[in-house]
Amino acid sequence: MKLNLYQIAYPVTSLGPGQRIAIWVAGCKKRCVGCISPEIQDPGRGKLIKNDELVSHLLKIPHTFDGVTISGGEPFDQADALSDLIMTLKRNRTEWTAIVYSGYCLITLKKRESCCSLLENTDVLIDGPFRSQIPPTNSLTGSGNQHIHFLSSKIHSIEQLTNNNRNDEVNIGYGQGCDTMLIGVFGSEKRKKYLELLRGE
């Protein structure tokens, strides 16, 4: 089984509780206006990687993590591959949690047989299309129409989910071609401010 992978980053503290591995998949059919990651909408920006190779790499990282956060792109466009990936990781790291972002609403995903396994292996789903005109209500949603669904008992409250996620928290990494990655959930104005600080403007 293969995943169309765009990027991974670690340790990430701005996308859920504790220190996490962030995984971005390439390709999204929704293409929401104002998307925070328009460069990942094109599936051609990704690279197909075998799940067992990715799992082997992640498990060898010499660091203690609390789980994975998966975004994109649209994770549920690759539901089978991601379900397999999460199941394999959790077999080896039973304490890990999986947080998944989706532009689709939970009620829609539940109607798709292809999405059921990924939902079953997800601890927290953050769902809904990005709407730039609706202010976010917490540090992990991009807009106020998006909802947080606790799908397992491993993470069961907003406080637990956001216990180390301040509204201004951001992680910095390097993306494809050494482009600066700003990792976190924030609007275009904050993104502009952070980029100006990085450039010394």
C-alpha atoms as a PDB file:
ATOM      1  CA  MET A   1       0.000   0.000   0.000  1.00  0.00           C
ATOM      2  CA  LYS A   2       1.316   3.464  -0.903  1.00  0.00           C
ATOM      3  CA  LEU A   3       0.672   6.966   0.382  1.00  0.00           C
ATOM      4  CA  ASN A   4       0.973  10.133  -1.691  1.00  0.00           C
ATOM      5  CA  LEU A   5       3.132  12.007   0.810  1.00  0.00           C
ATOM      6  CA  TYR A   6       3.952  15.697   0.694  1.00  0.00           C
ATOM      7  CA  GLN A   7       5.931  16.251   3.881  1.00  0.00           C
ATOM      8  CA  ILE A   8       6.567  15.113   7.442  1.00  0.00           C
ATOM      9  CA  ALA A   9       7.821  17.200  10.364  1.00  0.00           C
ATOM     10  CA  TYR A  10       8.771  16.464  13.975  1.00  0.00           C
ATOM     11  CA  PRO A  11       8.659  17.212  16.831  1.00  0.00           C
ATOM     12  CA  VAL A  12       5.573  19.400  16.336  1.00  0.00           C
ATOM     13  CA  THR A  13       3.799  21.005  19.311  1.00  0.00           C
ATOM     14  CA  SER A  14       1.349  23.280  17.476  1.00  0.00           C
ATOM     15  CA  LEU A  15      -0.991  20.595  16.077  1.00  0.00           C
ATOM     16  CA  GLY A  16      -2.249  18.763  19.131  1.00  0.00           C
ATOM     17  CA  PRO A  17      -1.156  17.748  22.634  1.00  0.00           C
ATOM     18  CA  GLY A  18       2.414  16.813  23.394  1.00  0.00           C
ATOM     19  CA  GLN A  19       5.131  16.307  20.819  1.00  0.00           C
ATOM     20  CA  ARG A  20       3.842  14.903  17.568  1.00  0.00           C
ATOM     21  CA  ILE A  21       4.796  13.781  14.093  1.00  0.00           C
ATOM     22  CA  ALA A  22       2.940  15.860  11.500  1.00  0.00           C
ATOM     23  CA  ILE A  23       2.156  14.225   8.170  1.00  0.00           C
ATOM     24  CA  TRP A  24       0.844  16.128   5.142  1.00  0.00           C
ATOM     25  CA  VAL A  25      -0.583  14.198   2.202  1.00  0.00           C
ATOM     26  CA  ALA A  26      -0.705  15.629  -1.303  1.00  0.00           C
ATOM     27  CA  GLY A  27      -3.894  16.077  -3.271  1.00  0.00           C
ATOM     28  CA  CYS A  28      -7.271  17.601  -2.418  1.00  0.00           C
ATOM     29  CA  LYS A  29     -10.456  17.625  -4.490  1.00  0.00           C
ATOM     30  CA  LYS A  30     -12.243  20.256  -2.355  1.00  0.00           C
ATOM     31  CA  ARG A  31      -9.912  23.222  -3.032  1.00  0.00           C
ATOM     32  CA  CYS A  32     -11.453  25.566  -0.456  1.00  0.00           C
ATOM     33  CA  VAL A  33     -11.085  29.292  -1.152  1.00  0.00           C
ATOM     34  CA  GLY A  34      -8.357  30.734   1.089  1.00  0.00           C
ATOM     35  CA  CYS A  35      -6.833  27.323   1.833  1.00  0.00           C
ATOM     36  CA  ILE A  36      -3.819  27.610   4.148  1.00  0.00           C
ATOM     37  CA  SER A  37      -1.898  25.083   2.007  1.00  0.00           C
ATOM     38  CA  PRO A  38      -2.894  25.583  -1.648  1.00  0.00           C
ATOM     39  CA  GLU A  39       0.439  24.179  -2.802  1.00  0.00           C
ATOM     40  CA  ILE A  40      -0.581  20.740  -1.489  1.00  0.00           C
ATOM     41  CA  GLN A  41      -3.877  20.576  -3.413  1.00  0.00           C
ATOM     42  CA  ASP A  42      -2.104  19.215  -6.497  1.00  0.00           C
ATOM     43  CA  PRO A  43      -1.466  15.454  -6.085  1.00  0.00           C
ATOM     44  CA  GLY A  44       1.533  15.902  -8.371  1.00  0.00           C
ATOM     45  CA  ARG A  45       3.338  17.751  -5.554  1.00  0.00           C
ATOM     46  CA  GLY A  46       3.553  14.542  -3.551  1.00  0.00           C
ATOM     47  CA  LYS A  47       5.697  11.447  -3.724  1.00  0.00           C
ATOM     48  CA  LEU A  48       4.332   7.914  -3.539  1.00  0.00           C
ATOM     49  CA  ILE A  49       5.920   6.033  -0.669  1.00  0.00           C
ATOM     50  CA  LYS A  50       5.254   2.527   0.569  1.00  0.00           C
ATOM     51  CA  ASN A  51       3.556   2.470   3.947  1.00  0.00           C
ATOM     52  CA  ASP A  52       6.010  -0.035   5.399  1.00  0.00           C
ATOM     53  CA  GLU A  53       8.942   2.201   4.421  1.00  0.00           C
ATOM     54  CA  LEU A  54       7.332   5.251   6.040  1.00  0.00           C
ATOM     55  CA  VAL A  55       6.440   3.310   9.189  1.00  0.00           C
ATOM     56  CA  SER A  56       9.982   1.966   9.452  1.00  0.00           C
ATOM     57  CA  HIS A  57      11.379   5.489   9.159  1.00  0.00           C
ATOM     58  CA  LEU A  58       8.986   6.981  11.733  1.00  0.00           C
ATOM     59  CA  LEU A  59       9.574   4.257  14.308  1.00  0.00           C
ATOM     60  CA  LYS A  60      13.337   4.701  14.062  1.00  0.00           C
ATOM     61  CA  ILE A  61      13.248   8.399  14.969  1.00  0.00           C
ATOM     62  CA  PRO A  62      15.195   8.704  18.266  1.00  0.00           C
ATOM     63  CA  HIS A  63      12.553  10.762  20.055  1.00  0.00           C
ATOM     64  CA  THR A  64       9.510  10.129  22.237  1.00  0.00           C
ATOM     65  CA  PHE A  65       6.254  11.206  20.605  1.00  0.00           C
ATOM     66  CA  ASP A  66       2.636  11.396  21.709  1.00  0.00           C
ATOM     67  CA  GLY A  67       1.173  10.596  18.307  1.00  0.00           C
ATOM     68  CA  VAL A  68       0.607  11.775  14.764  1.00  0.00           C
ATOM     69  CA  THR A  69      -1.381  14.637  13.264  1.00  0.00           C
ATOM     70  CA  ILE A  70      -2.402  14.193   9.646  1.00  0.00           C
ATOM     71  CA  SER A  71      -3.407  17.003   7.318  1.00  0.00           C
ATOM     72  CA  GLY A  72      -2.952  17.933   3.700  1.00  0.00           C
ATOM     73  CA  GLY A  73      -4.219  18.016   1.146  1.00  0.00           C
ATOM     74  CA  GLU A  74      -7.225  15.891   2.022  1.00  0.00           C
ATOM     75  CA  PRO A  75      -6.464  12.812   4.140  1.00  0.00           C
ATOM     76  CA  PHE A  76      -9.781  11.121   3.384  1.00  0.00           C
ATOM     77  CA  ASP A  77      -8.972  11.111  -0.321  1.00  0.00           C
ATOM     78  CA  GLN A  78      -6.359   8.516   0.740  1.00  0.00           C
ATOM     79  CA  ALA A  79      -8.405   6.868   3.471  1.00  0.00           C
ATOM     80  CA  ASP A  80      -7.297   3.257   2.952  1.00  0.00           C
ATOM     81  CA  ALA A  81      -3.578   4.036   2.953  1.00  0.00           C
ATOM     82  CA  LEU A  82      -3.818   6.300   6.005  1.00  0.00           C
ATOM     83  CA  SER A  83      -5.944   3.818   7.939  1.00  0.00           C
ATOM     84  CA  ASP A  84      -3.315   1.157   7.308  1.00  0.00           C
ATOM     85  CA  LEU A  85      -0.532   3.561   8.325  1.00  0.00           C
ATOM     86  CA  ILE A  86      -2.202   4.547  11.620  1.00  0.00           C
ATOM     87  CA  MET A  87      -3.080   0.949  12.523  1.00  0.00           C
ATOM     88  CA  THR A  88       0.510  -0.145  11.956  1.00  0.00           C
ATOM     89  CA  LEU A  89       1.948   2.742  13.969  1.00  0.00           C
ATOM     90  CA  LYS A  90      -0.450   2.101  16.867  1.00  0.00           C
ATOM     91  CA  ARG A  91       0.408  -1.596  16.942  1.00  0.00           C
ATOM     92  CA  ASN A  92       3.985  -0.550  17.635  1.00  0.00           C
ATOM     93  CA  ARG A  93       3.237   2.536  19.752  1.00  0.00           C
ATOM     94  CA  THR A  94       0.037   1.745  21.630  1.00  0.00           C
ATOM     95  CA  GLU A  95       0.116   5.024  23.530  1.00  0.00           C
ATOM     96  CA  TRP A  96       0.062   7.172  20.388  1.00  0.00           C
ATOM     97  CA  THR A  97      -2.994   9.134  19.317  1.00  0.00           C
ATOM     98  CA  ALA A  98      -4.052  10.103  15.808  1.00  0.00           C
ATOM     99  CA  ILE A  99      -5.517  13.523  14.991  1.00  0.00           C
ATOM    100  CA  VAL A 100      -6.829  13.935  11.446  1.00  0.00           C
ATOM    101  CA  TYR A 101      -7.952  17.098   9.645  1.00  0.00           C
ATOM    102  CA  SER A 102     -10.536  16.941   6.869  1.00  0.00           C
ATOM    103  CA  GLY A 103     -12.330  19.443   4.686  1.00  0.00           C
ATOM    104  CA  TYR A 104     -15.288  17.058   4.639  1.00  0.00           C
ATOM    105  CA  CYS A 105     -17.840  17.015   7.464  1.00  0.00           C
ATOM    106  CA  LEU A 106     -18.124  13.948   9.677  1.00  0.00           C
ATOM    107  CA  ILE A 107     -21.689  13.262   8.581  1.00  0.00           C
ATOM    108  CA  THR A 108     -20.470  13.023   4.975  1.00  0.00           C
ATOM    109  CA  LEU A 109     -17.523  10.790   5.830  1.00  0.00           C
ATOM    110  CA  LYS A 110     -19.749   8.373   7.766  1.00  0.00           C
ATOM    111  CA  LYS A 111     -21.787   7.784   4.617  1.00  0.00           C
ATOM    112  CA  ARG A 112     -18.723   6.655   2.660  1.00  0.00           C
ATOM    113  CA  GLU A 113     -17.777   3.046   3.176  1.00  0.00           C
ATOM    114  CA  SER A 114     -14.226   3.825   2.057  1.00  0.00           C
ATOM    115  CA  CYS A 115     -13.785   6.218   5.003  1.00  0.00           C
ATOM    116  CA  CYS A 116     -15.050   3.972   7.822  1.00  0.00           C
ATOM    117  CA  SER A 117     -11.731   2.313   8.658  1.00  0.00           C
ATOM    118  CA  LEU A 118      -9.858   5.613   8.868  1.00  0.00           C
ATOM    119  CA  LEU A 119     -12.556   7.041  11.139  1.00  0.00           C
ATOM    120  CA  GLU A 120     -12.281   3.972  13.379  1.00  0.00           C
ATOM    121  CA  ASN A 121      -8.528   4.514  13.731  1.00  0.00           C
ATOM    122  CA  THR A 122      -8.791   8.277  14.327  1.00  0.00           C
ATOM    123  CA  ASP A 123      -8.888   9.574  17.909  1.00  0.00           C
ATOM    124  CA  VAL A 124      -9.789  13.158  17.035  1.00  0.00           C
ATOM    125  CA  LEU A 125     -11.263  14.455  13.784  1.00  0.00           C
ATOM    126  CA  ILE A 126     -11.214  18.174  12.986  1.00  0.00           C
ATOM    127  CA  ASP A 127     -13.682  18.570  10.152  1.00  0.00           C
ATOM    128  CA  GLY A 128     -15.282  21.045   7.798  1.00  0.00           C
ATOM    129  CA  PRO A 129     -14.248  23.258   4.877  1.00  0.00           C
ATOM    130  CA  PHE A 130     -12.170  26.347   5.597  1.00  0.00           C
ATOM    131  CA  ARG A 131     -14.255  29.542   5.661  1.00  0.00           C
ATOM    132  CA  SER A 132     -12.025  32.614   5.932  1.00  0.00           C
ATOM    133  CA  GLN A 133     -14.922  34.889   6.955  1.00  0.00           C
ATOM    134  CA  ILE A 134     -15.700  32.861  10.120  1.00  0.00           C
ATOM    135  CA  PRO A 135     -13.169  33.471  12.954  1.00  0.00           C
ATOM    136  CA  PRO A 136     -11.785  30.313  14.616  1.00  0.00           C
ATOM    137  CA  THR A 137     -12.938  29.381  18.104  1.00  0.00           C
ATOM    138  CA  ASN A 138      -9.764  27.674  19.333  1.00  0.00           C
ATOM    139  CA  SER A 139      -6.123  27.126  18.437  1.00  0.00           C
ATOM    140  CA  LEU A 140      -6.657  23.995  16.349  1.00  0.00           C
ATOM    141  CA  THR A 141      -9.448  25.027  13.961  1.00  0.00           C
ATOM    142  CA  GLY A 142      -8.820  27.259  10.980  1.00  0.00           C
ATOM    143  CA  SER A 143     -12.324  28.749  10.942  1.00  0.00           C
ATOM    144  CA  GLY A 144     -15.284  28.836  13.306  1.00  0.00           C
ATOM    145  CA  ASN A 145     -17.462  26.478  11.275  1.00  0.00           C
ATOM    146  CA  GLN A 146     -15.009  23.623  11.785  1.00  0.00           C
ATOM    147  CA  HIS A 147     -15.705  21.157  14.578  1.00  0.00           C
ATOM    148  CA  ILE A 148     -13.643  18.903  16.815  1.00  0.00           C
ATOM    149  CA  HIS A 149     -14.956  15.356  17.189  1.00  0.00           C
ATOM    150  CA  PHE A 150     -13.583  13.051  19.875  1.00  0.00           C
ATOM    151  CA  LEU A 151     -13.835   9.592  18.338  1.00  0.00           C
ATOM    152  CA  SER A 152     -12.051   7.631  21.061  1.00  0.00           C
ATOM    153  CA  SER A 153     -11.412   7.936  24.787  1.00  0.00           C
ATOM    154  CA  LYS A 154      -7.661   8.513  24.387  1.00  0.00           C
ATOM    155  CA  ILE A 155      -8.291  12.244  23.957  1.00  0.00           C
ATOM    156  CA  HIS A 156     -11.644  13.293  25.330  1.00  0.00           C
ATOM    157  CA  SER A 157     -11.759  17.030  25.979  1.00  0.00           C
ATOM    158  CA  ILE A 158     -10.894  20.382  24.405  1.00  0.00           C
ATOM    159  CA  GLU A 159      -8.629  21.144  27.371  1.00  0.00           C
ATOM    160  CA  GLN A 160      -6.665  17.930  26.882  1.00  0.00           C
ATOM    161  CA  LEU A 161      -6.472  18.486  23.130  1.00  0.00           C
ATOM    162  CA  THR A 162      -5.235  22.074  23.358  1.00  0.00           C
ATOM    163  CA  ASN A 163      -3.276  21.899  26.628  1.00  0.00           C
ATOM    164  CA  ASN A 164      -0.077  23.186  25.045  1.00  0.00           C
ATOM    165  CA  ASN A 165      -1.512  24.996  22.042  1.00  0.00           C
ATOM    166  CA  ARG A 166      -1.486  28.731  22.551  1.00  0.00           C
ATOM    167  CA  ASN A 167      -3.237  30.749  19.859  1.00  0.00           C
ATOM    168  CA  ASP A 168       0.078  32.203  18.712  1.00  0.00           C
ATOM    169  CA  GLU A 169       2.100  28.973  18.714  1.00  0.00           C
ATOM    170  CA  VAL A 170       3.905  28.068  15.535  1.00  0.00           C
ATOM    171  CA  ASN A 171       6.622  25.587  14.634  1.00  0.00           C
ATOM    172  CA  ILE A 172       9.119  26.261  11.877  1.00  0.00           C
ATOM    173  CA  GLY A 173      10.554  23.712   9.488  1.00  0.00           C
ATOM    174  CA  TYR A 174      11.826  23.287   5.962  1.00  0.00           C
ATOM    175  CA  GLY A 175       9.588  22.017   3.201  1.00  0.00           C
ATOM    176  CA  GLN A 176      10.278  20.879  -0.330  1.00  0.00           C
ATOM    177  CA  GLY A 177      13.078  22.845  -1.925  1.00  0.00           C
ATOM    178  CA  CYS A 178      14.012  24.203   1.535  1.00  0.00           C
ATOM    179  CA  ASP A 179      10.958  26.473   1.577  1.00  0.00           C
ATOM    180  CA  THR A 180      10.196  27.713   5.073  1.00  0.00           C
ATOM    181  CA  MET A 181       7.296  25.830   6.641  1.00  0.00           C
ATOM    182  CA  LEU A 182       5.103  27.547   9.207  1.00  0.00           C
ATOM    183  CA  ILE A 183       3.441  24.741  11.141  1.00  0.00           C
ATOM    184  CA  GLY A 184       0.263  25.530  13.039  1.00  0.00           C
ATOM    185  CA  VAL A 185      -3.258  26.795  12.523  1.00  0.00           C
ATOM    186  CA  PHE A 186      -3.489  30.516  11.857  1.00  0.00           C
ATOM    187  CA  GLY A 187      -4.924  32.987   9.379  1.00  0.00           C
ATOM    188  CA  SER A 188      -3.293  34.844   6.529  1.00  0.00           C
ATOM    189  CA  GLU A 189      -2.469  37.925   8.621  1.00  0.00           C
ATOM    190  CA  LYS A 190      -0.570  35.918  11.242  1.00  0.00           C
ATOM    191  CA  ARG A 191       1.150  33.957   8.477  1.00  0.00           C
ATOM    192  CA  LYS A 192       2.280  37.226   6.899  1.00  0.00           C
ATOM    193  CA  LYS A 193       3.549  38.492  10.267  1.00  0.00           C
ATOM    194  CA  TYR A 194       5.541  35.324  10.955  1.00  0.00           C
ATOM    195  CA  LEU A 195       7.100  35.373   7.492  1.00  0.00           C
ATOM    196  CA  GLU A 196       8.109  39.003   7.933  1.00  0.00           C
ATOM    197  CA  LEU A 197       9.770  38.129  11.252  1.00  0.00           C
ATOM    198  CA  LEU A 198      11.646  35.242   9.648  1.00  0.00           C
ATOM    199  CA  ARG A 199      12.886  37.505   6.878  1.00  0.00           C
ATOM    200  CA  GLY A 200      13.863  40.221   9.343  1.00  0.00           C
ATOM    201  CA  GLU A 201      11.489  42.751   7.801  1.00  0.00           C
END
